[in-house]
């Protein structure tokens, strides 16, 4: 790993976030209903340890905040969606508003406080 790799990763996430602007996801694409206020979409893979911890955090937040649902998607089983959204690592979390618009994207294991703050943009 070089010193520039983390910086490149941050720039890549920023570009992906900019590409998400205005993009909407439908319940049919996710295989689950959208939350009435927001939806936390998690892309995971089978042997991803941070994915398990992310699942716990997102489920906890969805349980705490009315109208928020958590949808976990197996990245390997949904390659078309992964490619369409340019998901490059797991876990990746998308925060959708009530209409399914992507308002936030994050790769890696999130902290509960960060998820709650991101929900503030969606609701």
PDB file of N, CA and C in Angstrom:
ATOM      1  N   UNK A   1       0.844  -1.179   0.000  1.00  0.00           N
ATOM      2  CA  UNK A   1       0.000   0.000   0.000  1.00  0.00           C
ATOM      3  C   UNK A   1       0.883   1.234   0.000  1.00  0.00           C
ATOM      4  N   UNK A   2       0.567   2.154  -0.896  1.00  0.00           N
ATOM      5  CA  UNK A   2       1.339   3.384  -0.951  1.00  0.00           C
ATOM      6  C   UNK A   2       0.604   4.478  -0.200  1.00  0.00           C
ATOM      7  N   UNK A   3       1.319   5.556   0.040  1.00  0.00           N
ATOM      8  CA  UNK A   3       0.716   6.660   0.785  1.00  0.00           C
ATOM      9  C   UNK A   3      -0.451   7.284   0.028  1.00  0.00           C
ATOM     10  N   UNK A   4      -0.451   7.176  -1.315  1.00  0.00           N
ATOM     11  CA  UNK A   4      -1.519   7.819  -2.088  1.00  0.00           C
ATOM     12  C   UNK A   4      -2.783   6.970  -2.182  1.00  0.00           C
ATOM     13  N   UNK A   5      -2.717   5.670  -1.861  1.00  0.00           N
ATOM     14  CA  UNK A   5      -3.893   4.809  -2.011  1.00  0.00           C
ATOM     15  C   UNK A   5      -5.085   5.260  -1.185  1.00  0.00           C
ATOM     16  N   UNK A   6      -4.944   5.577   0.107  1.00  0.00           N
ATOM     17  CA  UNK A   6      -6.121   6.039   0.851  1.00  0.00           C
ATOM     18  C   UNK A   6      -6.706   7.317   0.248  1.00  0.00           C
ATOM     19  N   UNK A   7      -5.847   8.232  -0.177  1.00  0.00           N
ATOM     20  CA  UNK A   7      -6.322   9.466  -0.788  1.00  0.00           C
ATOM     21  C   UNK A   7      -7.067   9.161  -2.089  1.00  0.00           C
ATOM     22  N   UNK A   8      -6.537   8.240  -2.907  1.00  0.00           N
ATOM     23  CA  UNK A   8      -7.202   7.843  -4.145  1.00  0.00           C
ATOM     24  C   UNK A   8      -8.552   7.213  -3.846  1.00  0.00           C
ATOM     25  N   UNK A   9      -8.634   6.422  -2.788  1.00  0.00           N
ATOM     26  CA  UNK A   9      -9.885   5.778  -2.403  1.00  0.00           C
ATOM     27  C   UNK A   9     -10.933   6.817  -2.022  1.00  0.00           C
ATOM     28  N   UNK A  10     -10.522   7.847  -1.297  1.00  0.00           N
ATOM     29  CA  UNK A  10     -11.444   8.916  -0.914  1.00  0.00           C
ATOM     30  C   UNK A  10     -11.935   9.640  -2.159  1.00  0.00           C
ATOM     31  N   UNK A  11     -11.025   9.951  -3.089  1.00  0.00           N
ATOM     32  CA  UNK A  11     -11.430  10.621  -4.323  1.00  0.00           C
ATOM     33  C   UNK A  11     -12.394   9.754  -5.117  1.00  0.00           C
ATOM     34  N   UNK A  12     -12.132   8.451  -5.166  1.00  0.00           N
ATOM     35  CA  UNK A  12     -13.010   7.532  -5.886  1.00  0.00           C
ATOM     36  C   UNK A  12     -14.405   7.536  -5.266  1.00  0.00           C
ATOM     37  N   UNK A  13     -14.504   7.489  -3.939  1.00  0.00           N
ATOM     38  CA  UNK A  13     -15.805   7.532  -3.263  1.00  0.00           C
ATOM     39  C   UNK A  13     -16.515   8.852  -3.551  1.00  0.00           C
ATOM     40  N   UNK A  14     -15.782   9.962  -3.608  1.00  0.00           N
ATOM     41  CA  UNK A  14     -16.403  11.248  -3.905  1.00  0.00           C
ATOM     42  C   UNK A  14     -16.970  11.250  -5.320  1.00  0.00           C
ATOM     43  N   UNK A  15     -16.215  10.712  -6.289  1.00  0.00           N
ATOM     44  CA  UNK A  15     -16.705  10.637  -7.670  1.00  0.00           C
ATOM     45  C   UNK A  15     -17.951   9.774  -7.749  1.00  0.00           C
ATOM     46  N   UNK A  16     -17.946   8.640  -7.040  1.00  0.00           N
ATOM     47  CA  UNK A  16     -19.113   7.764  -7.055  1.00  0.00           C
ATOM     48  C   UNK A  16     -20.304   8.467  -6.426  1.00  0.00           C
ATOM     49  N   UNK A  17     -20.093   9.177  -5.350  1.00  0.00           N
ATOM     50  CA  UNK A  17     -21.171   9.917  -4.706  1.00  0.00           C
ATOM     51  C   UNK A  17     -21.753  10.975  -5.625  1.00  0.00           C
ATOM     52  N   UNK A  18     -20.894  11.659  -6.383  1.00  0.00           N
ATOM     53  CA  UNK A  18     -21.371  12.649  -7.342  1.00  0.00           C
ATOM     54  C   UNK A  18     -22.182  11.976  -8.441  1.00  0.00           C
ATOM     55  N   UNK A  19     -21.768  10.797  -8.876  1.00  0.00           N
ATOM     56  CA  UNK A  19     -22.497  10.063  -9.912  1.00  0.00           C
ATOM     57  C   UNK A  19     -23.859   9.599  -9.406  1.00  0.00           C
ATOM     58  N   UNK A  20     -24.008   9.421  -8.100  1.00  0.00           N
ATOM     59  CA  UNK A  20     -25.273   8.982  -7.506  1.00  0.00           C
ATOM     60  C   UNK A  20     -26.329  10.082  -7.501  1.00  0.00           C
ATOM     61  N   UNK A  21     -25.919  11.339  -7.619  1.00  0.00           N
ATOM     62  CA  UNK A  21     -26.856  12.453  -7.485  1.00  0.00           C
ATOM     63  C   UNK A  21     -28.053  12.273  -8.408  1.00  0.00           C
ATOM     64  N   UNK A  22     -29.241  12.271  -7.812  1.00  0.00           N
ATOM     65  CA  UNK A  22     -30.469  12.153  -8.579  1.00  0.00           C
ATOM     66  C   UNK A  22     -30.854  10.736  -8.963  1.00  0.00           C
ATOM     67  N   UNK A  23     -29.972   9.774  -8.756  1.00  0.00           N
ATOM     68  CA  UNK A  23     -30.277   8.383  -9.115  1.00  0.00           C
ATOM     69  C   UNK A  23     -31.273   7.811  -8.125  1.00  0.00           C
ATOM     70  N   UNK A  24     -32.250   7.073  -8.662  1.00  0.00           N
ATOM     71  CA  UNK A  24     -33.277   6.457  -7.818  1.00  0.00           C
ATOM     72  C   UNK A  24     -33.243   4.952  -7.972  1.00  0.00           C
ATOM     73  N   UNK A  25     -33.571   4.271  -6.886  1.00  0.00           N
ATOM     74  CA  UNK A  25     -33.711   2.820  -6.905  1.00  0.00           C
ATOM     75  C   UNK A  25     -35.149   2.472  -6.562  1.00  0.00           C
ATOM     76  N   UNK A  26     -35.674   1.484  -7.246  1.00  0.00           N
ATOM     77  CA  UNK A  26     -37.045   1.030  -7.023  1.00  0.00           C
ATOM     78  C   UNK A  26     -37.032  -0.200  -6.120  1.00  0.00           C
ATOM     79  N   UNK A  27     -38.150  -0.447  -5.471  1.00  0.00           N
ATOM     80  CA  UNK A  27     -38.279  -1.620  -4.601  1.00  0.00           C
ATOM     81  C   UNK A  27     -37.985  -2.901  -5.372  1.00  0.00           C
ATOM     82  N   UNK A  28     -38.407  -2.978  -6.626  1.00  0.00           N
ATOM     83  CA  UNK A  28     -38.180  -4.184  -7.430  1.00  0.00           C
ATOM     84  C   UNK A  28     -36.689  -4.440  -7.640  1.00  0.00           C
ATOM     85  N   UNK A  29     -35.900  -3.391  -7.785  1.00  0.00           N
ATOM     86  CA  UNK A  29     -34.459  -3.556  -7.958  1.00  0.00           C
ATOM     87  C   UNK A  29     -33.811  -4.090  -6.688  1.00  0.00           C
ATOM     88  N   UNK A  30     -34.355  -3.688  -5.543  1.00  0.00           N
ATOM     89  CA  UNK A  30     -33.789  -4.083  -4.253  1.00  0.00           C
ATOM     90  C   UNK A  30     -34.335  -5.412  -3.760  1.00  0.00           C
ATOM     91  N   UNK A  31     -35.473  -5.810  -4.287  1.00  0.00           N
ATOM     92  CA  UNK A  31     -36.105  -7.038  -3.818  1.00  0.00           C
ATOM     93  C   UNK A  31     -36.770  -6.871  -2.466  1.00  0.00           C
ATOM     94  N   UNK A  32     -37.072  -5.625  -2.096  1.00  0.00           N
ATOM     95  CA  UNK A  32     -37.710  -5.324  -0.808  1.00  0.00           C
ATOM     96  C   UNK A  32     -38.372  -3.960  -0.901  1.00  0.00           C
ATOM     97  N   UNK A  33     -39.365  -3.740  -0.048  1.00  0.00           N
ATOM     98  CA  UNK A  33     -40.039  -2.444  -0.009  1.00  0.00           C
ATOM     99  C   UNK A  33     -39.107  -1.374   0.542  1.00  0.00           C
ATOM    100  N   UNK A  34     -39.298  -0.145   0.057  1.00  0.00           N
ATOM    101  CA  UNK A  34     -38.578   1.000   0.599  1.00  0.00           C
ATOM    102  C   UNK A  34     -39.191   1.384   1.941  1.00  0.00           C
ATOM    103  N   UNK A  35     -38.373   1.954   2.813  1.00  0.00           N
ATOM    104  CA  UNK A  35     -38.892   2.472   4.071  1.00  0.00           C
ATOM    105  C   UNK A  35     -39.772   3.685   3.808  1.00  0.00           C
ATOM    106  N   UNK A  36     -40.700   3.960   4.681  1.00  0.00           N
ATOM    107  CA  UNK A  36     -41.593   5.103   4.476  1.00  0.00           C
ATOM    108  C   UNK A  36     -40.864   6.436   4.612  1.00  0.00           C
ATOM    109  N   UNK A  37     -39.752   6.457   5.350  1.00  0.00           N
ATOM    110  CA  UNK A  37     -38.954   7.682   5.502  1.00  0.00           C
ATOM    111  C   UNK A  37     -37.591   7.567   4.840  1.00  0.00           C
ATOM    112  N   UNK A  38     -36.970   6.390   4.926  1.00  0.00           N
ATOM    113  CA  UNK A  38     -35.635   6.189   4.352  1.00  0.00           C
ATOM    114  C   UNK A  38     -35.330   4.694   4.314  1.00  0.00           C
ATOM    115  N   UNK A  39     -34.340   4.343   3.492  1.00  0.00           N
ATOM    116  CA  UNK A  39     -33.907   2.949   3.382  1.00  0.00           C
ATOM    117  C   UNK A  39     -32.390   2.902   3.433  1.00  0.00           C
ATOM    118  N   UNK A  40     -31.865   2.001   4.245  1.00  0.00           N
ATOM    119  CA  UNK A  40     -30.427   1.746   4.325  1.00  0.00           C
ATOM    120  C   UNK A  40     -30.154   0.492   3.505  1.00  0.00           C
ATOM    121  N   UNK A  41     -29.457   0.650   2.386  1.00  0.00           N
ATOM    122  CA  UNK A  41     -29.164  -0.471   1.495  1.00  0.00           C
ATOM    123  C   UNK A  41     -27.711  -0.869   1.707  1.00  0.00           C
ATOM    124  N   UNK A  42     -27.499  -2.123   2.079  1.00  0.00           N
ATOM    125  CA  UNK A  42     -26.161  -2.635   2.361  1.00  0.00           C
ATOM    126  C   UNK A  42     -25.790  -3.684   1.325  1.00  0.00           C
ATOM    127  N   UNK A  43     -24.669  -3.482   0.635  1.00  0.00           N
ATOM    128  CA  UNK A  43     -24.117  -4.488  -0.267  1.00  0.00           C
ATOM    129  C   UNK A  43     -23.053  -5.257   0.501  1.00  0.00           C
ATOM    130  N   UNK A  44     -23.223  -6.578   0.567  1.00  0.00           N
ATOM    131  CA  UNK A  44     -22.346  -7.443   1.353  1.00  0.00           C
ATOM    132  C   UNK A  44     -21.856  -8.605   0.513  1.00  0.00           C
ATOM    133  N   UNK A  45     -20.878  -9.307   1.059  1.00  0.00           N
ATOM    134  CA  UNK A  45     -20.418 -10.560   0.456  1.00  0.00           C
ATOM    135  C   UNK A  45     -20.253 -11.593   1.575  1.00  0.00           C
ATOM    136  N   UNK A  46     -20.241 -12.846   1.187  1.00  0.00           N
ATOM    137  CA  UNK A  46     -20.335 -13.955   2.142  1.00  0.00           C
ATOM    138  C   UNK A  46     -19.255 -13.953   3.226  1.00  0.00           C
ATOM    139  N   UNK A  47     -18.013 -13.719   2.868  1.00  0.00           N
ATOM    140  CA  UNK A  47     -16.925 -13.864   3.835  1.00  0.00           C
ATOM    141  C   UNK A  47     -16.384 -12.524   4.315  1.00  0.00           C
ATOM    142  N   UNK A  48     -17.215 -11.520   4.277  1.00  0.00           N
ATOM    143  CA  UNK A  48     -16.825 -10.161   4.649  1.00  0.00           C
ATOM    144  C   UNK A  48     -17.133  -9.935   6.130  1.00  0.00           C
ATOM    145  N   UNK A  49     -16.104  -9.904   6.965  1.00  0.00           N
ATOM    146  CA  UNK A  49     -16.299  -9.686   8.401  1.00  0.00           C
ATOM    147  C   UNK A  49     -16.901  -8.311   8.703  1.00  0.00           C
ATOM    148  N   UNK A  50     -16.416  -7.227   8.076  1.00  0.00           N
ATOM    149  CA  UNK A  50     -17.037  -5.927   8.351  1.00  0.00           C
ATOM    150  C   UNK A  50     -18.513  -5.874   7.936  1.00  0.00           C
ATOM    151  N   UNK A  51     -18.915  -6.727   7.000  1.00  0.00           N
ATOM    152  CA  UNK A  51     -20.323  -6.765   6.578  1.00  0.00           C
ATOM    153  C   UNK A  51     -21.219  -7.217   7.723  1.00  0.00           C
ATOM    154  N   UNK A  52     -20.750  -8.159   8.515  1.00  0.00           N
ATOM    155  CA  UNK A  52     -21.552  -8.645   9.645  1.00  0.00           C
ATOM    156  C   UNK A  52     -21.747  -7.537  10.682  1.00  0.00           C
ATOM    157  N   UNK A  53     -20.678  -6.817  10.970  1.00  0.00           N
ATOM    158  CA  UNK A  53     -20.777  -5.710  11.930  1.00  0.00           C
ATOM    159  C   UNK A  53     -21.662  -4.592  11.370  1.00  0.00           C
ATOM    160  N   UNK A  54     -21.545  -4.340  10.072  1.00  0.00           N
ATOM    161  CA  UNK A  54     -22.377  -3.321   9.427  1.00  0.00           C
ATOM    162  C   UNK A  54     -23.845  -3.711   9.500  1.00  0.00           C
ATOM    163  N   UNK A  55     -24.147  -4.985   9.287  1.00  0.00           N
ATOM    164  CA  UNK A  55     -25.524  -5.484   9.384  1.00  0.00           C
ATOM    165  C   UNK A  55     -26.106  -5.169  10.761  1.00  0.00           C
ATOM    166  N   UNK A  56     -25.316  -5.407  11.810  1.00  0.00           N
ATOM    167  CA  UNK A  56     -25.792  -5.140  13.173  1.00  0.00           C
ATOM    168  C   UNK A  56     -26.073  -3.648  13.383  1.00  0.00           C
ATOM    169  N   UNK A  57     -25.158  -2.798  12.918  1.00  0.00           N
ATOM    170  CA  UNK A  57     -25.323  -1.347  13.085  1.00  0.00           C
ATOM    171  C   UNK A  57     -26.563  -0.859  12.342  1.00  0.00           C
ATOM    172  N   UNK A  58     -26.712  -1.263  11.079  1.00  0.00           N
ATOM    173  CA  UNK A  58     -27.839  -0.780  10.280  1.00  0.00           C
ATOM    174  C   UNK A  58     -29.170  -1.305  10.803  1.00  0.00           C
ATOM    175  N   UNK A  59     -29.191  -2.559  11.241  1.00  0.00           N
ATOM    176  CA  UNK A  59     -30.424  -3.123  11.805  1.00  0.00           C
ATOM    177  C   UNK A  59     -30.804  -2.377  13.085  1.00  0.00           C
ATOM    178  N   UNK A  60     -29.816  -2.050  13.894  1.00  0.00           N
ATOM    179  CA  UNK A  60     -30.070  -1.309  15.135  1.00  0.00           C
ATOM    180  C   UNK A  60     -30.650   0.071  14.830  1.00  0.00           C
ATOM    181  N   UNK A  61     -30.063   0.769  13.868  1.00  0.00           N
ATOM    182  CA  UNK A  61     -30.554   2.104  13.513  1.00  0.00           C
ATOM    183  C   UNK A  61     -31.963   2.011  12.928  1.00  0.00           C
ATOM    184  N   UNK A  62     -32.199   1.042  12.049  1.00  0.00           N
ATOM    185  CA  UNK A  62     -33.530   0.878  11.451  1.00  0.00           C
ATOM    186  C   UNK A  62     -34.574   0.584  12.524  1.00  0.00           C
ATOM    187  N   UNK A  63     -34.177  -0.144  13.549  1.00  0.00           N
ATOM    188  CA  UNK A  63     -35.090  -0.445  14.658  1.00  0.00           C
ATOM    189  C   UNK A  63     -35.370   0.801  15.507  1.00  0.00           C
ATOM    190  N   UNK A  64     -34.375   1.669  15.641  1.00  0.00           N
ATOM    191  CA  UNK A  64     -34.500   2.869  16.480  1.00  0.00           C
ATOM    192  C   UNK A  64     -35.299   3.983  15.811  1.00  0.00           C
ATOM    193  N   UNK A  65     -35.223   4.081  14.485  1.00  0.00           N
ATOM    194  CA  UNK A  65     -35.814   5.212  13.768  1.00  0.00           C
ATOM    195  C   UNK A  65     -37.045   4.744  12.991  1.00  0.00           C
ATOM    196  N   UNK A  66     -38.212   5.264  13.362  1.00  0.00           N
ATOM    197  CA  UNK A  66     -39.456   4.886  12.683  1.00  0.00           C
ATOM    198  C   UNK A  66     -39.393   5.209  11.195  1.00  0.00           C
ATOM    199  N   UNK A  67     -39.909   4.295  10.381  1.00  0.00           N
ATOM    200  CA  UNK A  67     -40.003   4.519   8.945  1.00  0.00           C
ATOM    201  C   UNK A  67     -38.734   4.235   8.176  1.00  0.00           C
ATOM    202  N   UNK A  68     -37.703   3.731   8.850  1.00  0.00           N
ATOM    203  CA  UNK A  68     -36.437   3.409   8.188  1.00  0.00           C
ATOM    204  C   UNK A  68     -36.321   1.897   8.084  1.00  0.00           C
ATOM    205  N   UNK A  69     -36.005   1.424   6.883  1.00  0.00           N
ATOM    206  CA  UNK A  69     -35.806  -0.014   6.706  1.00  0.00           C
ATOM    207  C   UNK A  69     -34.363  -0.293   6.295  1.00  0.00           C
ATOM    208  N   UNK A  70     -33.941  -1.513   6.548  1.00  0.00           N
ATOM    209  CA  UNK A  70     -32.595  -1.981   6.203  1.00  0.00           C
ATOM    210  C   UNK A  70     -32.740  -3.124   5.215  1.00  0.00           C
ATOM    211  N   UNK A  71     -32.077  -2.998   4.076  1.00  0.00           N
ATOM    212  CA  UNK A  71     -32.093  -4.036   3.048  1.00  0.00           C
ATOM    213  C   UNK A  71     -30.653  -4.460   2.805  1.00  0.00           C
ATOM    214  N   UNK A  72     -30.392  -5.752   2.954  1.00  0.00           N
ATOM    215  CA  UNK A  72     -29.046  -6.265   2.682  1.00  0.00           C
ATOM    216  C   UNK A  72     -29.070  -7.023   1.365  1.00  0.00           C
ATOM    217  N   UNK A  73     -28.114  -6.708   0.496  1.00  0.00           N
ATOM    218  CA  UNK A  73     -28.035  -7.313  -0.828  1.00  0.00           C
ATOM    219  C   UNK A  73     -26.719  -8.057  -0.952  1.00  0.00           C
ATOM    220  N   UNK A  74     -26.804  -9.315  -1.376  1.00  0.00           N
ATOM    221  CA  UNK A  74     -25.614 -10.121  -1.639  1.00  0.00           C
ATOM    222  C   UNK A  74     -25.015  -9.641  -2.959  1.00  0.00           C
ATOM    223  N   UNK A  75     -23.868  -8.990  -2.885  1.00  0.00           N
ATOM    224  CA  UNK A  75     -23.248  -8.399  -4.070  1.00  0.00           C
ATOM    225  C   UNK A  75     -22.974  -9.442  -5.151  1.00  0.00           C
ATOM    226  N   UNK A  76     -22.547 -10.620  -4.753  1.00  0.00           N
ATOM    227  CA  UNK A  76     -22.211 -11.660  -5.729  1.00  0.00           C
ATOM    228  C   UNK A  76     -23.440 -12.173  -6.466  1.00  0.00           C
ATOM    229  N   UNK A  77     -24.588 -12.146  -5.828  1.00  0.00           N
ATOM    230  CA  UNK A  77     -25.823 -12.640  -6.443  1.00  0.00           C
ATOM    231  C   UNK A  77     -26.548 -11.559  -7.248  1.00  0.00           C
ATOM    232  N   UNK A  78     -26.097 -10.322  -7.152  1.00  0.00           N
ATOM    233  CA  UNK A  78     -26.755  -9.206  -7.841  1.00  0.00           C
ATOM    234  C   UNK A  78     -25.727  -8.373  -8.609  1.00  0.00           C
ATOM    235  N   UNK A  79     -24.961  -9.042  -9.455  1.00  0.00           N
ATOM    236  CA  UNK A  79     -23.861  -8.374 -10.158  1.00  0.00           C
ATOM    237  C   UNK A  79     -24.328  -7.252 -11.076  1.00  0.00           C
ATOM    238  N   UNK A  80     -25.490  -7.408 -11.697  1.00  0.00           N
ATOM    239  CA  UNK A  80     -25.982  -6.353 -12.588  1.00  0.00           C
ATOM    240  C   UNK A  80     -26.205  -5.056 -11.806  1.00  0.00           C
ATOM    241  N   UNK A  81     -26.830  -5.155 -10.645  1.00  0.00           N
ATOM    242  CA  UNK A  81     -27.066  -3.984  -9.805  1.00  0.00           C
ATOM    243  C   UNK A  81     -25.746  -3.420  -9.276  1.00  0.00           C
ATOM    244  N   UNK A  82     -24.834  -4.291  -8.880  1.00  0.00           N
ATOM    245  CA  UNK A  82     -23.513  -3.871  -8.397  1.00  0.00           C
ATOM    246  C   UNK A  82     -22.785  -3.072  -9.472  1.00  0.00           C
ATOM    247  N   UNK A  83     -22.820  -3.567 -10.707  1.00  0.00           N
ATOM    248  CA  UNK A  83     -22.151  -2.857 -11.807  1.00  0.00           C
ATOM    249  C   UNK A  83     -22.840  -1.532 -12.106  1.00  0.00           C
ATOM    250  N   UNK A  84     -24.171  -1.544 -12.117  1.00  0.00           N
ATOM    251  CA  UNK A  84     -24.926  -0.330 -12.415  1.00  0.00           C
ATOM    252  C   UNK A  84     -24.600   0.777 -11.409  1.00  0.00           C
ATOM    253  N   UNK A  85     -24.432   0.396 -10.140  1.00  0.00           N
ATOM    254  CA  UNK A  85     -24.172   1.368  -9.077  1.00  0.00           C
ATOM    255  C   UNK A  85     -22.688   1.580  -8.805  1.00  0.00           C
ATOM    256  N   UNK A  86     -21.836   0.878  -9.548  1.00  0.00           N
ATOM    257  CA  UNK A  86     -20.383   0.995  -9.390  1.00  0.00           C
ATOM    258  C   UNK A  86     -19.945   0.704  -7.954  1.00  0.00           C
ATOM    259  N   UNK A  87     -20.477  -0.396  -7.406  1.00  0.00           N
ATOM    260  CA  UNK A  87     -20.063  -0.857  -6.078  1.00  0.00           C
ATOM    261  C   UNK A  87     -18.728  -1.570  -6.257  1.00  0.00           C
ATOM    262  N   UNK A  88     -17.686  -1.098  -5.580  1.00  0.00           N
ATOM    263  CA  UNK A  88     -16.355  -1.668  -5.779  1.00  0.00           C
ATOM    264  C   UNK A  88     -15.825  -2.424  -4.565  1.00  0.00           C
ATOM    265  N   UNK A  89     -16.507  -2.315  -3.421  1.00  0.00           N
ATOM    266  CA  UNK A  89     -16.077  -3.062  -2.238  1.00  0.00           C
ATOM    267  C   UNK A  89     -17.261  -3.276  -1.314  1.00  0.00           C
ATOM    268  N   UNK A  90     -17.095  -4.260  -0.443  1.00  0.00           N
ATOM    269  CA  UNK A  90     -18.134  -4.521   0.554  1.00  0.00           C
ATOM    270  C   UNK A  90     -17.524  -4.349   1.942  1.00  0.00           C
ATOM    271  N   UNK A  91     -18.303  -3.846   2.887  1.00  0.00           N
ATOM    272  CA  UNK A  91     -19.664  -3.371   2.700  1.00  0.00           C
ATOM    273  C   UNK A  91     -19.693  -1.979   2.072  1.00  0.00           C
ATOM    274  N   UNK A  92     -20.697  -1.750   1.249  1.00  0.00           N
ATOM    275  CA  UNK A  92     -21.032  -0.409   0.776  1.00  0.00           C
ATOM    276  C   UNK A  92     -22.472  -0.157   1.193  1.00  0.00           C
ATOM    277  N   UNK A  93     -22.717   1.015   1.744  1.00  0.00           N
ATOM    278  CA  UNK A  93     -24.051   1.380   2.217  1.00  0.00           C
ATOM    279  C   UNK A  93     -24.546   2.582   1.417  1.00  0.00           C
ATOM    280  N   UNK A  94     -25.773   2.459   0.919  1.00  0.00           N
ATOM    281  CA  UNK A  94     -26.448   3.575   0.267  1.00  0.00           C
ATOM    282  C   UNK A  94     -27.603   3.998   1.163  1.00  0.00           C
ATOM    283  N   UNK A  95     -27.753   5.290   1.363  1.00  0.00           N
ATOM    284  CA  UNK A  95     -28.888   5.822   2.110  1.00  0.00           C
ATOM    285  C   UNK A  95     -29.848   6.411   1.086  1.00  0.00           C
ATOM    286  N   UNK A  96     -31.073   5.879   1.072  1.00  0.00           N
ATOM    287  CA  UNK A  96     -32.100   6.339   0.141  1.00  0.00           C
ATOM    288  C   UNK A  96     -33.155   7.133   0.892  1.00  0.00           C
ATOM    289  N   UNK A  97     -33.696   8.160   0.239  1.00  0.00           N
ATOM    290  CA  UNK A  97     -34.822   8.868   0.847  1.00  0.00           C
ATOM    291  C   UNK A  97     -36.104   8.076   0.591  1.00  0.00           C
ATOM    292  N   UNK A  98     -37.242   8.601   0.994  1.00  0.00           N
ATOM    293  CA  UNK A  98     -38.510   7.875   0.882  1.00  0.00           C
ATOM    294  C   UNK A  98     -38.880   7.560  -0.563  1.00  0.00           C
ATOM    295  N   UNK A  99     -38.367   8.353  -1.512  1.00  0.00           N
ATOM    296  CA  UNK A  99     -38.651   8.135  -2.932  1.00  0.00           C
ATOM    297  C   UNK A  99     -37.624   7.236  -3.610  1.00  0.00           C
ATOM    298  N   UNK A 100     -36.647   6.747  -2.850  1.00  0.00           N
ATOM    299  CA  UNK A 100     -35.630   5.864  -3.411  1.00  0.00           C
ATOM    300  C   UNK A 100     -34.430   6.579  -4.000  1.00  0.00           C
ATOM    301  N   UNK A 101     -34.341   7.903  -3.825  1.00  0.00           N
ATOM    302  CA  UNK A 101     -33.180   8.645  -4.324  1.00  0.00           C
ATOM    303  C   UNK A 101     -31.981   8.399  -3.420  1.00  0.00           C
ATOM    304  N   UNK A 102     -30.837   8.170  -4.032  1.00  0.00           N
ATOM    305  CA  UNK A 102     -29.602   7.973  -3.263  1.00  0.00           C
ATOM    306  C   UNK A 102     -29.140   9.332  -2.751  1.00  0.00           C
ATOM    307  N   UNK A 103     -29.074   9.473  -1.432  1.00  0.00           N
ATOM    308  CA  UNK A 103     -28.632  10.740  -0.847  1.00  0.00           C
ATOM    309  C   UNK A 103     -27.245  10.632  -0.224  1.00  0.00           C
ATOM    310  N   UNK A 104     -26.790   9.407   0.011  1.00  0.00           N
ATOM    311  CA  UNK A 104     -25.477   9.220   0.637  1.00  0.00           C
ATOM    312  C   UNK A 104     -24.936   7.850   0.306  1.00  0.00           C
ATOM    313  N   UNK A 105     -23.615   7.744   0.177  1.00  0.00           N
ATOM    314  CA  UNK A 105     -22.924   6.481  -0.083  1.00  0.00           C
ATOM    315  C   UNK A 105     -21.703   6.425   0.819  1.00  0.00           C
ATOM    316  N   UNK A 106     -21.442   5.238   1.363  1.00  0.00           N
ATOM    317  CA  UNK A 106     -20.242   5.046   2.183  1.00  0.00           C
ATOM    318  C   UNK A 106     -19.750   3.621   2.004  1.00  0.00           C
ATOM    319  N   UNK A 107     -18.445   3.467   1.901  1.00  0.00           N
ATOM    320  CA  UNK A 107     -17.840   2.138   1.821  1.00  0.00           C
ATOM    321  C   UNK A 107     -17.101   1.882   3.125  1.00  0.00           C
ATOM    322  N   UNK A 108     -17.139   0.641   3.570  1.00  0.00           N
ATOM    323  CA  UNK A 108     -16.504   0.285   4.831  1.00  0.00           C
ATOM    324  C   UNK A 108     -17.526   0.229   5.949  1.00  0.00           C
ATOM    325  N   UNK A 109     -17.061  -0.168   7.105  1.00  0.00           N
ATOM    326  CA  UNK A 109     -17.937  -0.339   8.265  1.00  0.00           C
ATOM    327  C   UNK A 109     -18.269   1.018   8.882  1.00  0.00           C
ATOM    328  N   UNK A 110     -19.563   1.395   8.916  1.00  0.00           N
ATOM    329  CA  UNK A 110     -19.928   2.701   9.466  1.00  0.00           C
ATOM    330  C   UNK A 110     -20.112   2.663  10.980  1.00  0.00           C
ATOM    331  N   UNK A 111     -19.981   3.830  11.595  1.00  0.00           N
ATOM    332  CA  UNK A 111     -20.316   3.970  13.007  1.00  0.00           C
ATOM    333  C   UNK A 111     -21.794   4.337  13.099  1.00  0.00           C
ATOM    334  N   UNK A 112     -22.425   3.964  14.190  1.00  0.00           N
ATOM    335  CA  UNK A 112     -23.846   4.257  14.386  1.00  0.00           C
ATOM    336  C   UNK A 112     -24.120   5.750  14.237  1.00  0.00           C
ATOM    337  N   UNK A 113     -23.292   6.590  14.837  1.00  0.00           N
ATOM    338  CA  UNK A 113     -23.489   8.043  14.769  1.00  0.00           C
ATOM    339  C   UNK A 113     -23.436   8.543  13.330  1.00  0.00           C
ATOM    340  N   UNK A 114     -22.557   7.964  12.510  1.00  0.00           N
ATOM    341  CA  UNK A 114     -22.453   8.374  11.107  1.00  0.00           C
ATOM    342  C   UNK A 114     -23.701   7.986  10.323  1.00  0.00           C
ATOM    343  N   UNK A 115     -24.254   6.816  10.608  1.00  0.00           N
ATOM    344  CA  UNK A 115     -25.471   6.370   9.927  1.00  0.00           C
ATOM    345  C   UNK A 115     -26.631   7.292  10.292  1.00  0.00           C
ATOM    346  N   UNK A 116     -26.751   7.621  11.562  1.00  0.00           N
ATOM    347  CA  UNK A 116     -27.829   8.515  12.004  1.00  0.00           C
ATOM    348  C   UNK A 116     -27.676   9.892  11.362  1.00  0.00           C
ATOM    349  N   UNK A 117     -26.449  10.392  11.276  1.00  0.00           N
ATOM    350  CA  UNK A 117     -26.213  11.685  10.626  1.00  0.00           C
ATOM    351  C   UNK A 117     -26.585  11.626   9.146  1.00  0.00           C
ATOM    352  N   UNK A 118     -26.247  10.540   8.473  1.00  0.00           N
ATOM    353  CA  UNK A 118     -26.588  10.389   7.054  1.00  0.00           C
ATOM    354  C   UNK A 118     -28.096  10.326   6.862  1.00  0.00           C
ATOM    355  N   UNK A 119     -28.794   9.706   7.797  1.00  0.00           N
ATOM    356  CA  UNK A 119     -30.254   9.653   7.715  1.00  0.00           C
ATOM    357  C   UNK A 119     -30.862  11.050   7.794  1.00  0.00           C
ATOM    358  N   UNK A 120     -30.188  11.954   8.490  1.00  0.00           N
ATOM    359  CA  UNK A 120     -30.668  13.328   8.579  1.00  0.00           C
ATOM    360  C   UNK A 120     -30.801  13.986   7.218  1.00  0.00           C
ATOM    361  N   UNK A 121     -29.984  13.566   6.250  1.00  0.00           N
ATOM    362  CA  UNK A 121     -30.072  14.102   4.896  1.00  0.00           C
ATOM    363  C   UNK A 121     -31.238  13.494   4.127  1.00  0.00           C
ATOM    364  N   UNK A 122     -31.682  12.319   4.544  1.00  0.00           N
ATOM    365  CA  UNK A 122     -32.702  11.587   3.795  1.00  0.00           C
ATOM    366  C   UNK A 122     -34.118  11.876   4.266  1.00  0.00           C
ATOM    367  N   UNK A 123     -34.275  12.201   5.543  1.00  0.00           N
ATOM    368  CA  UNK A 123     -35.643  12.365   6.076  1.00  0.00           C
ATOM    369  C   UNK A 123     -36.013  13.827   6.229  1.00  0.00           C
TER     370      UNK A 123
END
